[in-house]
Amino acid sequence: PVSANIALVATVFWIGVTLFWTGVVFYWLSFQVEMLEPRFWLSLRNSLLLTLTRPLQTLVFLGAIALATLLCVILPPLVLLLPGFVAVLSITALRELVQPLLKAREQANKETPNSTA
């Protein structure tokens, strides 16, 4: 038998790991779709980093998916719309979260002089 404290810690740990991995997978396919030349490990790395740098936004998106899934349980015909909703939400979230990072990188490239003369 396992003590109640160890069981509680293990449960909290696995819930955290499950939420983290679900967040990674949420962004992974969108990275694959948006890349000109999709690469598995690069997409996985980018989705890991995005999940780590934006945990609150990721939890909000996962909560929206959970609510949509609950709505599909209540109204079963809506299950036909769930995959499209998740895909659109994922791609939109990716574009909105990555856009400021790309602008910052572009600004940094403009500020550094090009020394390839």
Protein backbone atom coordinates (compact mmCIF):
# COMPACT_ATOMS: atom_id res chain seq x y z
CA PRO A 1 0.00 0.00 0.00
CA VAL A 2 1.09 3.52 -0.80
CA SER A 3 0.68 6.30 1.73
CA ALA A 4 -1.88 9.01 1.01
CA ASN A 5 0.80 11.71 0.73
CA ILE A 6 2.79 9.81 -1.89
CA ALA A 7 -0.37 9.05 -3.85
CA LEU A 8 -1.36 12.73 -3.77
CA VAL A 9 2.08 13.87 -4.94
CA ALA A 10 2.10 11.26 -7.72
CA THR A 11 -1.39 12.27 -8.84
CA VAL A 12 -0.53 15.97 -8.94
CA PHE A 13 2.72 15.19 -10.77
CA TRP A 14 0.97 13.12 -13.46
CA ILE A 15 -1.78 15.68 -13.92
CA GLY A 16 0.91 18.32 -14.44
CA VAL A 17 2.80 16.13 -16.91
CA THR A 18 -0.43 15.37 -18.78
CA LEU A 19 -1.36 19.06 -19.04
CA PHE A 20 2.16 19.96 -20.16
CA TRP A 21 2.26 17.27 -22.84
CA THR A 22 -1.24 18.16 -24.04
CA GLY A 23 -0.06 21.76 -24.41
CA VAL A 24 2.97 20.62 -26.42
CA VAL A 25 0.82 18.52 -28.74
CA PHE A 26 -1.65 21.41 -29.06
CA TYR A 27 1.06 23.53 -30.72
CA TRP A 28 3.03 20.75 -32.44
CA LEU A 29 0.71 20.10 -35.39
CA SER A 30 0.31 23.83 -35.99
CA PHE A 31 4.08 24.20 -36.22
CA GLN A 32 4.11 21.33 -38.71
CA VAL A 33 1.41 23.00 -40.81
CA GLU A 34 3.02 26.45 -40.73
CA MET A 35 6.57 25.36 -41.61
CA LEU A 36 7.69 25.49 -45.22
CA GLU A 37 9.71 22.31 -44.68
CA PRO A 38 8.16 20.52 -41.69
CA ARG A 39 10.68 18.82 -39.41
CA PHE A 40 9.50 16.71 -36.51
CA TRP A 41 12.17 17.53 -33.92
CA LEU A 42 12.21 21.24 -34.70
CA SER A 43 8.43 21.41 -34.35
CA LEU A 44 8.59 19.45 -31.11
CA ARG A 45 11.30 21.73 -29.71
CA ASN A 46 9.40 24.87 -30.69
CA SER A 47 6.15 23.61 -29.19
CA LEU A 48 7.97 22.63 -25.98
CA LEU A 49 9.47 26.11 -25.74
CA LEU A 50 6.17 27.82 -26.51
CA THR A 51 4.41 25.76 -23.85
CA LEU A 52 7.11 26.60 -21.30
CA THR A 53 7.21 30.31 -22.11
CA ARG A 54 3.42 30.78 -22.29
CA PRO A 55 1.96 28.39 -19.70
CA LEU A 56 -1.01 30.57 -18.75
CA GLN A 57 -2.15 31.09 -22.34
CA THR A 58 -1.71 27.38 -23.00
CA LEU A 59 -3.89 26.51 -20.01
CA VAL A 60 -6.56 28.93 -21.24
CA PHE A 61 -6.55 27.30 -24.68
CA LEU A 62 -6.70 23.82 -23.15
CA GLY A 63 -9.59 25.00 -20.96
CA ALA A 64 -11.43 26.22 -24.06
CA ILE A 65 -10.94 22.82 -25.66
CA ALA A 66 -12.18 21.11 -22.49
CA LEU A 67 -15.30 23.29 -22.49
CA ALA A 68 -15.91 22.58 -26.16
CA THR A 69 -15.53 18.86 -25.47
CA LEU A 70 -17.98 19.12 -22.59
CA LEU A 71 -20.41 20.91 -24.89
CA CYS A 72 -20.02 18.05 -27.38
CA VAL A 73 -20.91 15.58 -24.63
CA ILE A 74 -24.05 17.56 -23.88
CA LEU A 75 -24.95 18.09 -27.55
CA PRO A 76 -23.49 15.10 -29.46
CA PRO A 77 -24.00 16.45 -33.02
CA LEU A 78 -21.45 19.17 -32.21
CA VAL A 79 -18.74 16.52 -32.10
CA LEU A 80 -18.49 16.96 -35.88
CA LEU A 81 -17.25 20.52 -35.32
CA LEU A 82 -14.74 19.75 -32.54
CA PRO A 83 -11.71 18.77 -34.67
CA GLY A 84 -12.07 21.89 -36.81
CA PHE A 85 -12.43 24.07 -33.72
CA VAL A 86 -9.30 22.59 -32.16
CA ALA A 87 -7.32 23.01 -35.39
CA VAL A 88 -8.38 26.63 -35.92
CA LEU A 89 -7.76 27.48 -32.26
CA SER A 90 -4.31 25.88 -32.39
CA ILE A 91 -3.18 27.66 -35.54
CA THR A 92 -4.61 30.99 -34.42
CA ALA A 93 -2.97 30.66 -31.00
CA LEU A 94 0.35 29.77 -32.59
CA ARG A 95 0.26 32.75 -34.93
CA GLU A 96 -0.71 35.16 -32.15
CA LEU A 97 1.92 33.89 -29.70
CA VAL A 98 4.79 33.66 -32.19
CA GLN A 99 4.17 36.98 -33.95
CA PRO A 100 5.63 39.18 -31.14
CA LEU A 101 8.69 36.92 -30.99
CA LEU A 102 9.25 37.24 -34.72
CA LYS A 103 8.85 41.03 -34.57
CA ALA A 104 11.36 41.25 -31.71
CA ARG A 105 13.85 39.13 -33.65
CA GLU A 106 13.36 41.25 -36.75
CA GLN A 107 13.89 44.42 -34.71
CA ALA A 108 17.06 42.97 -33.19
CA ASN A 109 18.36 42.11 -36.66
CA LYS A 110 17.74 45.70 -37.82
CA GLU A 111 19.61 47.14 -34.83
CA THR A 112 22.74 45.03 -35.27
CA PRO A 113 24.92 46.24 -38.13
CA ASN A 114 25.65 43.74 -40.82
CA SER A 115 29.41 43.11 -40.83
CA THR A 116 29.61 41.00 -44.02
CA ALA A 117 31.23 43.73 -46.12
